[in-house]
Amino acid sequence: MGRIAIGVEYDGGAFHGWQQQPHSSSVQETLQVALSRVADAPVEVAAAGRTDAGVHARAQVAHFDTAAERSPRAWLLGVNSALPATVNLRWVVPVPDDFHARFRALRRSYCYMVLNQPMRSALAAGRALIVHRELDALAMQAAADDLVGEHDFSAFRAAECQAPSPVRRIEALTVRRRGHWVCVQVTANAFLHHMVRNIVGTLLAIGRGDAPRARAREQLESRQRSTGEATAAAHGLYFWQADYPPEFGLPDDSAIISPIEAVGV
């Protein structure tokens, strides 16, 4: 039995989230069906992070165990041919048995994409949040700085969150503007349910001028989700990447240029 790590991208709008569930389409189940077909045996996958319904992934990482002997290329081509257009394997790497996509991840990063312009967009619809009012990215960054570090993030987690502890460590939280695009990128050791979308919701209120810059810090210190700003819509959020110890030999997944960096080129 060998263990294999995979890099996965998907359009979350086609699924009810990552996690397999009865009577609803999930990324996990879709992947397992395709992998099982190539392995000619049942396959179960575990992921670095469980994304919600509507949330996309640029570089989700997952792993599975199998007795099937296939080359990485055979896995890649075979599985992709069995997947719908909304899910795609980007790479396949055999890994040691002590690798685990969730528990061996050092950190995870999400990117929330906002198209800040007065008109709608046919191309960005469903892939980014479109905000018509001008956003003050500098005010958003000033507020974001107050959330960096290890804190009790109770005020930014969903009521149904089942994590035993609300304490998380945000390593970086940046707000970047390039033209009409604004990207909120956050890196942390782990995340609570809806944590990123609730943070973005607060930063958007600040960026629109509906809340003062101190709002993010005040919300954090309140530890009360009930007093928070609206949760940002799922379709602007992307699981951006997961980082692992170098001994596992996973690729530096940089095949997609960030829209923020590409605008204006």
C-alpha atoms as a PDB file:
ATOM      1  CA  MET A   1       0.000   0.000   0.000  1.00  0.00           C
ATOM      2  CA  GLY A   2       1.439   3.353  -1.006  1.00  0.00           C
ATOM      3  CA  ARG A   3       0.476   6.936  -0.223  1.00  0.00           C
ATOM      4  CA  ILE A   4       0.085   9.576  -2.924  1.00  0.00           C
ATOM      5  CA  ALA A   5      -0.330  13.347  -2.624  1.00  0.00           C
ATOM      6  CA  ILE A   6      -2.243  15.329  -5.222  1.00  0.00           C
ATOM      7  CA  GLY A   7      -2.696  19.011  -6.037  1.00  0.00           C
ATOM      8  CA  VAL A   8      -6.282  19.865  -6.947  1.00  0.00           C
ATOM      9  CA  GLU A   9      -8.015  22.888  -8.426  1.00  0.00           C
ATOM     10  CA  TYR A  10     -11.785  23.235  -8.625  1.00  0.00           C
ATOM     11  CA  ASP A  11     -14.690  25.538  -9.267  1.00  0.00           C
ATOM     12  CA  GLY A  12     -16.577  25.505  -5.993  1.00  0.00           C
ATOM     13  CA  GLY A  13     -19.740  26.849  -7.591  1.00  0.00           C
ATOM     14  CA  ALA A  14     -20.398  23.366  -8.955  1.00  0.00           C
ATOM     15  CA  PHE A  15     -20.376  21.683  -5.522  1.00  0.00           C
ATOM     16  CA  HIS A  16     -21.840  21.803  -2.033  1.00  0.00           C
ATOM     17  CA  GLY A  17     -18.355  22.029  -0.557  1.00  0.00           C
ATOM     18  CA  TRP A  18     -15.377  19.702  -0.239  1.00  0.00           C
ATOM     19  CA  GLN A  19     -16.835  17.220   2.246  1.00  0.00           C
ATOM     20  CA  GLN A  20     -18.714  14.162   1.031  1.00  0.00           C
ATOM     21  CA  GLN A  21     -22.369  14.311   2.061  1.00  0.00           C
ATOM     22  CA  PRO A  22     -25.561  12.437   1.223  1.00  0.00           C
ATOM     23  CA  HIS A  23     -27.761  13.763  -1.580  1.00  0.00           C
ATOM     24  CA  SER A  24     -25.345  16.600  -2.524  1.00  0.00           C
ATOM     25  CA  SER A  25     -22.455  16.879  -4.945  1.00  0.00           C
ATOM     26  CA  SER A  26     -19.045  17.300  -3.270  1.00  0.00           C
ATOM     27  CA  VAL A  27     -15.471  17.673  -4.466  1.00  0.00           C
ATOM     28  CA  GLN A  28     -14.345  14.793  -2.248  1.00  0.00           C
ATOM     29  CA  GLU A  29     -16.842  12.329  -3.667  1.00  0.00           C
ATOM     30  CA  THR A  30     -16.155  13.436  -7.244  1.00  0.00           C
ATOM     31  CA  LEU A  31     -12.425  12.885  -6.765  1.00  0.00           C
ATOM     32  CA  GLN A  32     -12.918   9.527  -5.070  1.00  0.00           C
ATOM     33  CA  VAL A  33     -15.046   8.220  -7.930  1.00  0.00           C
ATOM     34  CA  ALA A  34     -12.406   9.206 -10.499  1.00  0.00           C
ATOM     35  CA  LEU A  35      -9.491   7.876  -8.434  1.00  0.00           C
ATOM     36  CA  SER A  36     -11.294   4.609  -7.751  1.00  0.00           C
ATOM     37  CA  ARG A  37     -11.868   4.123 -11.461  1.00  0.00           C
ATOM     38  CA  VAL A  38      -8.141   4.458 -12.202  1.00  0.00           C
ATOM     39  CA  ALA A  39      -7.128   2.355  -9.176  1.00  0.00           C
ATOM     40  CA  ASP A  40      -9.769  -0.267  -9.977  1.00  0.00           C
ATOM     41  CA  ALA A  41     -10.541  -0.299  -6.240  1.00  0.00           C
ATOM     42  CA  PRO A  42     -12.238   2.012  -3.720  1.00  0.00           C
ATOM     43  CA  VAL A  43     -10.171   5.103  -2.804  1.00  0.00           C
ATOM     44  CA  GLU A  44     -10.711   7.635  -0.018  1.00  0.00           C
ATOM     45  CA  VAL A  45      -9.063  11.072   0.031  1.00  0.00           C
ATOM     46  CA  ALA A  46      -8.226  13.510   2.826  1.00  0.00           C
ATOM     47  CA  ALA A  47      -7.610  17.217   2.183  1.00  0.00           C
ATOM     48  CA  ALA A  48      -5.578  20.034   3.685  1.00  0.00           C
ATOM     49  CA  GLY A  49      -8.742  22.069   4.232  1.00  0.00           C
ATOM     50  CA  ARG A  50     -12.499  21.527   3.907  1.00  0.00           C
ATOM     51  CA  THR A  51     -13.908  24.306   1.778  1.00  0.00           C
ATOM     52  CA  ASP A  52     -17.544  25.424   2.022  1.00  0.00           C
ATOM     53  CA  ALA A  53     -20.129  25.337  -0.722  1.00  0.00           C
ATOM     54  CA  GLY A  54     -19.196  27.809  -3.454  1.00  0.00           C
ATOM     55  CA  VAL A  55     -15.561  28.233  -2.357  1.00  0.00           C
ATOM     56  CA  HIS A  56     -12.964  27.560  -5.053  1.00  0.00           C
ATOM     57  CA  ALA A  57      -9.474  26.062  -4.864  1.00  0.00           C
ATOM     58  CA  ARG A  58      -6.369  27.041  -6.768  1.00  0.00           C
ATOM     59  CA  ALA A  59      -4.104  24.516  -5.066  1.00  0.00           C
ATOM     60  CA  GLN A  60      -5.886  22.248  -2.619  1.00  0.00           C
ATOM     61  CA  VAL A  61      -3.684  19.390  -1.402  1.00  0.00           C
ATOM     62  CA  ALA A  62      -5.051  15.916  -0.679  1.00  0.00           C
ATOM     63  CA  HIS A  63      -3.715  12.387  -0.254  1.00  0.00           C
ATOM     64  CA  PHE A  64      -4.917   8.824  -0.652  1.00  0.00           C
ATOM     65  CA  ASP A  65      -3.643   5.284  -0.078  1.00  0.00           C
ATOM     66  CA  THR A  66      -3.700   2.644  -2.781  1.00  0.00           C
ATOM     67  CA  ALA A  67      -2.274  -0.741  -3.673  1.00  0.00           C
ATOM     68  CA  ALA A  68      -2.542   0.096  -7.386  1.00  0.00           C
ATOM     69  CA  GLU A  69       0.767   0.519  -9.167  1.00  0.00           C
ATOM     70  CA  ARG A  70       0.505   3.500 -11.499  1.00  0.00           C
ATOM     71  CA  SER A  71       3.034   6.110 -12.556  1.00  0.00           C
ATOM     72  CA  PRO A  72       2.359   9.736 -11.531  1.00  0.00           C
ATOM     73  CA  ARG A  73       1.650  10.510 -15.194  1.00  0.00           C
ATOM     74  CA  ALA A  74      -0.841   7.650 -15.427  1.00  0.00           C
ATOM     75  CA  TRP A  75      -2.637   8.889 -12.326  1.00  0.00           C
ATOM     76  CA  LEU A  76      -2.670  12.454 -13.615  1.00  0.00           C
ATOM     77  CA  LEU A  77      -3.966  11.693 -17.095  1.00  0.00           C
ATOM     78  CA  GLY A  78      -6.292   8.896 -16.057  1.00  0.00           C
ATOM     79  CA  VAL A  79      -7.960  10.756 -13.213  1.00  0.00           C
ATOM     80  CA  ASN A  80      -8.323  13.999 -15.168  1.00  0.00           C
ATOM     81  CA  SER A  81      -9.988  12.128 -18.006  1.00  0.00           C
ATOM     82  CA  ALA A  82     -12.532  10.786 -15.494  1.00  0.00           C
ATOM     83  CA  LEU A  83     -13.198  14.139 -13.801  1.00  0.00           C
ATOM     84  CA  PRO A  84     -15.704  16.817 -14.860  1.00  0.00           C
ATOM     85  CA  ALA A  85     -14.328  20.097 -16.217  1.00  0.00           C
ATOM     86  CA  THR A  86     -14.910  21.735 -12.822  1.00  0.00           C
ATOM     87  CA  VAL A  87     -12.185  19.658 -11.078  1.00  0.00           C
ATOM     88  CA  ASN A  88      -8.613  19.050 -12.170  1.00  0.00           C
ATOM     89  CA  LEU A  89      -5.465  17.419 -10.809  1.00  0.00           C
ATOM     90  CA  ARG A  90      -2.430  19.654 -11.215  1.00  0.00           C
ATOM     91  CA  TRP A  91       0.234  17.258  -9.943  1.00  0.00           C
ATOM     92  CA  VAL A  92       0.713  13.796  -8.427  1.00  0.00           C
ATOM     93  CA  VAL A  93       3.591  12.908  -6.065  1.00  0.00           C
ATOM     94  CA  PRO A  94       4.253   9.637  -4.171  1.00  0.00           C
ATOM     95  CA  VAL A  95       4.898  10.460  -0.500  1.00  0.00           C
ATOM     96  CA  PRO A  96       5.992   8.589   2.652  1.00  0.00           C
ATOM     97  CA  ASP A  97       3.380   6.975   4.873  1.00  0.00           C
ATOM     98  CA  ASP A  98       3.810   9.680   7.525  1.00  0.00           C
ATOM     99  CA  PHE A  99       2.557  12.380   5.161  1.00  0.00           C
ATOM    100  CA  HIS A 100      -0.946  13.664   5.889  1.00  0.00           C
ATOM    101  CA  ALA A 101      -2.533  16.448   3.865  1.00  0.00           C
ATOM    102  CA  ARG A 102      -4.270  17.918   6.899  1.00  0.00           C
ATOM    103  CA  PHE A 103      -2.083  17.181   9.897  1.00  0.00           C
ATOM    104  CA  ARG A 104       1.339  17.743   8.328  1.00  0.00           C
ATOM    105  CA  ALA A 105       0.473  21.106   6.770  1.00  0.00           C
ATOM    106  CA  LEU A 106       2.547  23.919   8.292  1.00  0.00           C
ATOM    107  CA  ARG A 107       0.202  26.666   7.172  1.00  0.00           C
ATOM    108  CA  ARG A 108      -2.641  27.359   4.760  1.00  0.00           C
ATOM    109  CA  SER A 109      -3.422  30.405   2.648  1.00  0.00           C
ATOM    110  CA  TYR A 110      -6.695  31.723   1.283  1.00  0.00           C
ATOM    111  CA  CYS A 111      -7.225  34.526  -1.203  1.00  0.00           C
ATOM    112  CA  TYR A 112     -10.430  36.517  -1.444  1.00  0.00           C
ATOM    113  CA  MET A 113     -10.911  38.199  -4.819  1.00  0.00           C
ATOM    114  CA  VAL A 114     -12.893  41.424  -5.178  1.00  0.00           C
ATOM    115  CA  LEU A 115     -13.609  43.211  -8.450  1.00  0.00           C
ATOM    116  CA  ASN A 116     -14.150  46.811  -7.390  1.00  0.00           C
ATOM    117  CA  GLN A 117     -15.856  48.589 -10.265  1.00  0.00           C
ATOM    118  CA  PRO A 118     -19.199  50.319 -10.899  1.00  0.00           C
ATOM    119  CA  MET A 119     -20.416  47.821 -13.504  1.00  0.00           C
ATOM    120  CA  ARG A 120     -21.009  44.088 -13.510  1.00  0.00           C
ATOM    121  CA  SER A 121     -18.680  41.556 -15.140  1.00  0.00           C
ATOM    122  CA  ALA A 122     -19.602  38.592 -17.298  1.00  0.00           C
ATOM    123  CA  LEU A 123     -16.229  36.918 -16.700  1.00  0.00           C
ATOM    124  CA  ALA A 124     -15.835  37.539 -12.961  1.00  0.00           C
ATOM    125  CA  ALA A 125     -19.401  36.584 -12.027  1.00  0.00           C
ATOM    126  CA  GLY A 126     -19.269  33.575  -9.729  1.00  0.00           C
ATOM    127  CA  ARG A 127     -15.465  33.795  -9.448  1.00  0.00           C
ATOM    128  CA  ALA A 128     -15.046  37.076  -7.549  1.00  0.00           C
ATOM    129  CA  LEU A 129     -17.156  39.363  -5.388  1.00  0.00           C
ATOM    130  CA  ILE A 130     -18.154  42.458  -7.342  1.00  0.00           C
ATOM    131  CA  VAL A 131     -18.285  45.594  -5.187  1.00  0.00           C
ATOM    132  CA  HIS A 132     -19.552  48.744  -6.896  1.00  0.00           C
ATOM    133  CA  ARG A 133     -18.604  51.321  -4.222  1.00  0.00           C
ATOM    134  CA  GLU A 134     -14.971  52.428  -4.131  1.00  0.00           C
ATOM    135  CA  LEU A 135     -12.968  50.516  -1.524  1.00  0.00           C
ATOM    136  CA  ASP A 136     -10.207  52.124   0.548  1.00  0.00           C
ATOM    137  CA  ALA A 137      -7.582  49.365   0.441  1.00  0.00           C
ATOM    138  CA  LEU A 138      -5.232  51.309   2.715  1.00  0.00           C
ATOM    139  CA  ALA A 139      -7.877  51.531   5.442  1.00  0.00           C
ATOM    140  CA  MET A 140      -8.572  47.828   5.002  1.00  0.00           C
ATOM    141  CA  GLN A 141      -4.867  47.004   5.406  1.00  0.00           C
ATOM    142  CA  ALA A 142      -4.579  49.163   8.526  1.00  0.00           C
ATOM    143  CA  ALA A 143      -7.483  47.256  10.057  1.00  0.00           C
ATOM    144  CA  ALA A 144      -6.097  43.900   8.909  1.00  0.00           C
ATOM    145  CA  ASP A 145      -2.842  44.548  10.748  1.00  0.00           C
ATOM    146  CA  ASP A 146      -4.717  44.358  14.068  1.00  0.00           C
ATOM    147  CA  LEU A 147      -5.685  40.746  13.362  1.00  0.00           C
ATOM    148  CA  VAL A 148      -2.188  39.403  12.709  1.00  0.00           C
ATOM    149  CA  GLY A 149      -0.786  37.144  15.429  1.00  0.00           C
ATOM    150  CA  GLU A 150      -2.237  34.532  17.765  1.00  0.00           C
ATOM    151  CA  HIS A 151      -5.686  35.446  19.038  1.00  0.00           C
ATOM    152  CA  ASP A 152      -9.025  34.090  20.137  1.00  0.00           C
ATOM    153  CA  PHE A 153     -11.021  34.425  16.908  1.00  0.00           C
ATOM    154  CA  SER A 154     -14.426  33.614  18.417  1.00  0.00           C
ATOM    155  CA  ALA A 155     -15.827  36.815  16.896  1.00  0.00           C
ATOM    156  CA  PHE A 156     -14.944  35.595  13.407  1.00  0.00           C
ATOM    157  CA  ARG A 157     -16.178  32.014  13.443  1.00  0.00           C
ATOM    158  CA  ALA A 158     -19.540  30.592  12.482  1.00  0.00           C
ATOM    159  CA  ALA A 159     -21.988  29.633  15.207  1.00  0.00           C
ATOM    160  CA  GLU A 160     -21.885  26.010  14.008  1.00  0.00           C
ATOM    161  CA  CYS A 161     -18.065  25.825  14.157  1.00  0.00           C
ATOM    162  CA  GLN A 162     -17.045  22.664  16.014  1.00  0.00           C
ATOM    163  CA  ALA A 163     -13.358  23.448  16.578  1.00  0.00           C
ATOM    164  CA  PRO A 164     -12.462  22.747  20.240  1.00  0.00           C
ATOM    165  CA  SER A 165     -10.414  25.951  20.492  1.00  0.00           C
ATOM    166  CA  PRO A 166     -11.031  29.362  18.887  1.00  0.00           C
ATOM    167  CA  VAL A 167      -7.346  30.293  19.064  1.00  0.00           C
ATOM    168  CA  ARG A 168      -5.553  30.571  15.725  1.00  0.00           C
ATOM    169  CA  ARG A 169      -2.335  32.207  14.550  1.00  0.00           C
ATOM    170  CA  ILE A 170      -2.528  34.478  11.508  1.00  0.00           C
ATOM    171  CA  GLU A 171       0.957  34.800  10.029  1.00  0.00           C
ATOM    172  CA  ALA A 172       0.075  37.286   7.297  1.00  0.00           C
ATOM    173  CA  LEU A 173      -2.999  39.268   6.266  1.00  0.00           C
ATOM    174  CA  THR A 174      -2.565  41.555   3.270  1.00  0.00           C
ATOM    175  CA  VAL A 175      -4.901  43.733   1.215  1.00  0.00           C
ATOM    176  CA  ARG A 176      -3.545  44.542  -2.238  1.00  0.00           C
ATOM    177  CA  ARG A 177      -5.069  46.615  -5.000  1.00  0.00           C
ATOM    178  CA  ARG A 178      -4.104  46.506  -8.675  1.00  0.00           C
ATOM    179  CA  GLY A 179      -6.436  48.466 -10.891  1.00  0.00           C
ATOM    180  CA  HIS A 180     -10.005  47.383 -10.182  1.00  0.00           C
ATOM    181  CA  TRP A 181      -8.899  44.195  -8.412  1.00  0.00           C
ATOM    182  CA  VAL A 182      -8.535  43.937  -4.640  1.00  0.00           C
ATOM    183  CA  CYS A 183      -7.147  40.745  -3.116  1.00  0.00           C
ATOM    184  CA  VAL A 184      -7.317  39.898   0.580  1.00  0.00           C
ATOM    185  CA  GLN A 185      -4.813  37.138   1.276  1.00  0.00           C
ATOM    186  CA  VAL A 186      -4.520  35.453   4.662  1.00  0.00           C
ATOM    187  CA  THR A 187      -2.070  32.821   5.874  1.00  0.00           C
ATOM    188  CA  ALA A 188      -2.540  30.973   9.167  1.00  0.00           C
ATOM    189  CA  ASN A 189      -1.661  27.725  10.890  1.00  0.00           C
ATOM    190  CA  ALA A 190      -5.356  26.745  10.628  1.00  0.00           C
ATOM    191  CA  PHE A 191      -8.769  28.346  10.220  1.00  0.00           C
ATOM    192  CA  LEU A 192     -12.131  28.280  11.951  1.00  0.00           C
ATOM    193  CA  HIS A 193     -15.399  27.754  10.073  1.00  0.00           C
ATOM    194  CA  HIS A 194     -16.181  30.919   8.046  1.00  0.00           C
ATOM    195  CA  MET A 195     -13.192  32.679   9.644  1.00  0.00           C
ATOM    196  CA  VAL A 196     -11.802  34.125   6.403  1.00  0.00           C
ATOM    197  CA  ARG A 197     -15.189  35.177   5.040  1.00  0.00           C
ATOM    198  CA  ASN A 198     -16.087  36.877   8.328  1.00  0.00           C
ATOM    199  CA  ILE A 199     -12.762  38.727   8.403  1.00  0.00           C
ATOM    200  CA  VAL A 200     -13.273  39.841   4.805  1.00  0.00           C
ATOM    201  CA  GLY A 201     -16.809  40.972   5.613  1.00  0.00           C
ATOM    202  CA  THR A 202     -15.434  43.254   8.324  1.00  0.00           C
ATOM    203  CA  LEU A 203     -12.654  44.589   6.094  1.00  0.00           C
ATOM    204  CA  LEU A 204     -15.138  45.313   3.304  1.00  0.00           C
ATOM    205  CA  ALA A 205     -17.324  47.338   5.691  1.00  0.00           C
ATOM    206  CA  ILE A 206     -14.234  49.351   6.627  1.00  0.00           C
ATOM    207  CA  GLY A 207     -13.183  49.736   3.002  1.00  0.00           C
ATOM    208  CA  ARG A 208     -16.637  51.074   2.042  1.00  0.00           C
ATOM    209  CA  GLY A 209     -16.545  53.565   4.911  1.00  0.00           C
ATOM    210  CA  ASP A 210     -19.438  51.897   6.730  1.00  0.00           C
ATOM    211  CA  ALA A 211     -17.248  51.095   9.761  1.00  0.00           C
ATOM    212  CA  PRO A 212     -14.181  52.780  11.305  1.00  0.00           C
ATOM    213  CA  ARG A 213     -10.678  51.330  10.995  1.00  0.00           C
ATOM    214  CA  ALA A 214     -10.806  50.237  14.642  1.00  0.00           C
ATOM    215  CA  ARG A 215     -13.789  47.977  13.893  1.00  0.00           C
ATOM    216  CA  ALA A 216     -11.695  44.867  13.219  1.00  0.00           C
ATOM    217  CA  ARG A 217      -9.799  45.172  16.513  1.00  0.00           C
ATOM    218  CA  GLU A 218     -12.983  45.924  18.458  1.00  0.00           C
ATOM    219  CA  GLN A 219     -14.710  42.921  16.908  1.00  0.00           C
ATOM    220  CA  LEU A 220     -11.754  40.664  17.723  1.00  0.00           C
ATOM    221  CA  GLU A 221     -11.697  41.817  21.344  1.00  0.00           C
ATOM    222  CA  SER A 222     -15.463  41.371  21.740  1.00  0.00           C
ATOM    223  CA  ARG A 223     -15.221  37.609  21.041  1.00  0.00           C
ATOM    224  CA  GLN A 224     -18.864  37.853  19.982  1.00  0.00           C
ATOM    225  CA  ARG A 225     -19.809  36.811  16.462  1.00  0.00           C
ATOM    226  CA  SER A 226     -23.339  38.168  16.951  1.00  0.00           C
ATOM    227  CA  THR A 227     -22.051  41.761  16.742  1.00  0.00           C
ATOM    228  CA  GLY A 228     -20.012  41.211  13.571  1.00  0.00           C
ATOM    229  CA  GLU A 229     -20.380  42.456  10.016  1.00  0.00           C
ATOM    230  CA  ALA A 230     -21.986  40.350   7.295  1.00  0.00           C
ATOM    231  CA  THR A 231     -20.143  37.236   6.122  1.00  0.00           C
ATOM    232  CA  ALA A 232     -18.579  37.773   2.688  1.00  0.00           C
ATOM    233  CA  ALA A 233     -20.043  35.644  -0.114  1.00  0.00           C
ATOM    234  CA  ALA A 234     -18.419  32.271  -0.766  1.00  0.00           C
ATOM    235  CA  HIS A 235     -17.766  32.741  -4.485  1.00  0.00           C
ATOM    236  CA  GLY A 236     -14.933  35.243  -3.946  1.00  0.00           C
ATOM    237  CA  LEU A 237     -12.879  32.862  -1.808  1.00  0.00           C
ATOM    238  CA  TYR A 238     -10.096  30.559  -3.002  1.00  0.00           C
ATOM    239  CA  PHE A 239      -8.088  27.950  -1.123  1.00  0.00           C
ATOM    240  CA  TRP A 240      -4.774  29.294  -2.396  1.00  0.00           C
ATOM    241  CA  GLN A 241      -2.132  26.898  -1.114  1.00  0.00           C
ATOM    242  CA  ALA A 242      -0.883  24.705   1.737  1.00  0.00           C
ATOM    243  CA  ASP A 243       2.758  24.522   2.814  1.00  0.00           C
ATOM    244  CA  TYR A 244       4.530  21.376   4.010  1.00  0.00           C
ATOM    245  CA  PRO A 245       8.005  20.417   5.274  1.00  0.00           C
ATOM    246  CA  PRO A 246      10.436  20.266   2.339  1.00  0.00           C
ATOM    247  CA  GLU A 247      11.313  16.610   2.936  1.00  0.00           C
ATOM    248  CA  PHE A 248       7.993  15.594   1.370  1.00  0.00           C
ATOM    249  CA  GLY A 249       9.117  16.975  -1.974  1.00  0.00           C
ATOM    250  CA  LEU A 250       5.833  18.558  -2.997  1.00  0.00           C
ATOM    251  CA  PRO A 251       6.031  21.005  -5.917  1.00  0.00           C
ATOM    252  CA  ASP A 252       6.125  24.758  -5.512  1.00  0.00           C
ATOM    253  CA  ASP A 253       2.678  25.207  -6.998  1.00  0.00           C
ATOM    254  CA  SER A 254       3.047  28.445  -8.964  1.00  0.00           C
ATOM    255  CA  ALA A 255       1.574  27.482 -12.329  1.00  0.00           C
ATOM    256  CA  ILE A 256      -1.217  30.040 -12.042  1.00  0.00           C
ATOM    257  CA  ILE A 257      -0.271  33.722 -12.021  1.00  0.00           C
ATOM    258  CA  SER A 258      -2.235  35.653  -9.435  1.00  0.00           C
ATOM    259  CA  PRO A 259      -4.901  37.865 -11.046  1.00  0.00           C
ATOM    260  CA  ILE A 260      -3.594  40.690  -8.875  1.00  0.00           C
ATOM    261  CA  GLU A 261      -0.151  40.395 -10.455  1.00  0.00           C
ATOM    262  CA  ALA A 262      -1.497  39.889 -13.964  1.00  0.00           C
ATOM    263  CA  VAL A 263      -3.794  42.907 -14.144  1.00  0.00           C
ATOM    264  CA  GLY A 264      -2.341  45.539 -16.411  1.00  0.00           C
ATOM    265  CA  VAL A 265       0.323  43.292 -17.908  1.00  0.00           C
END
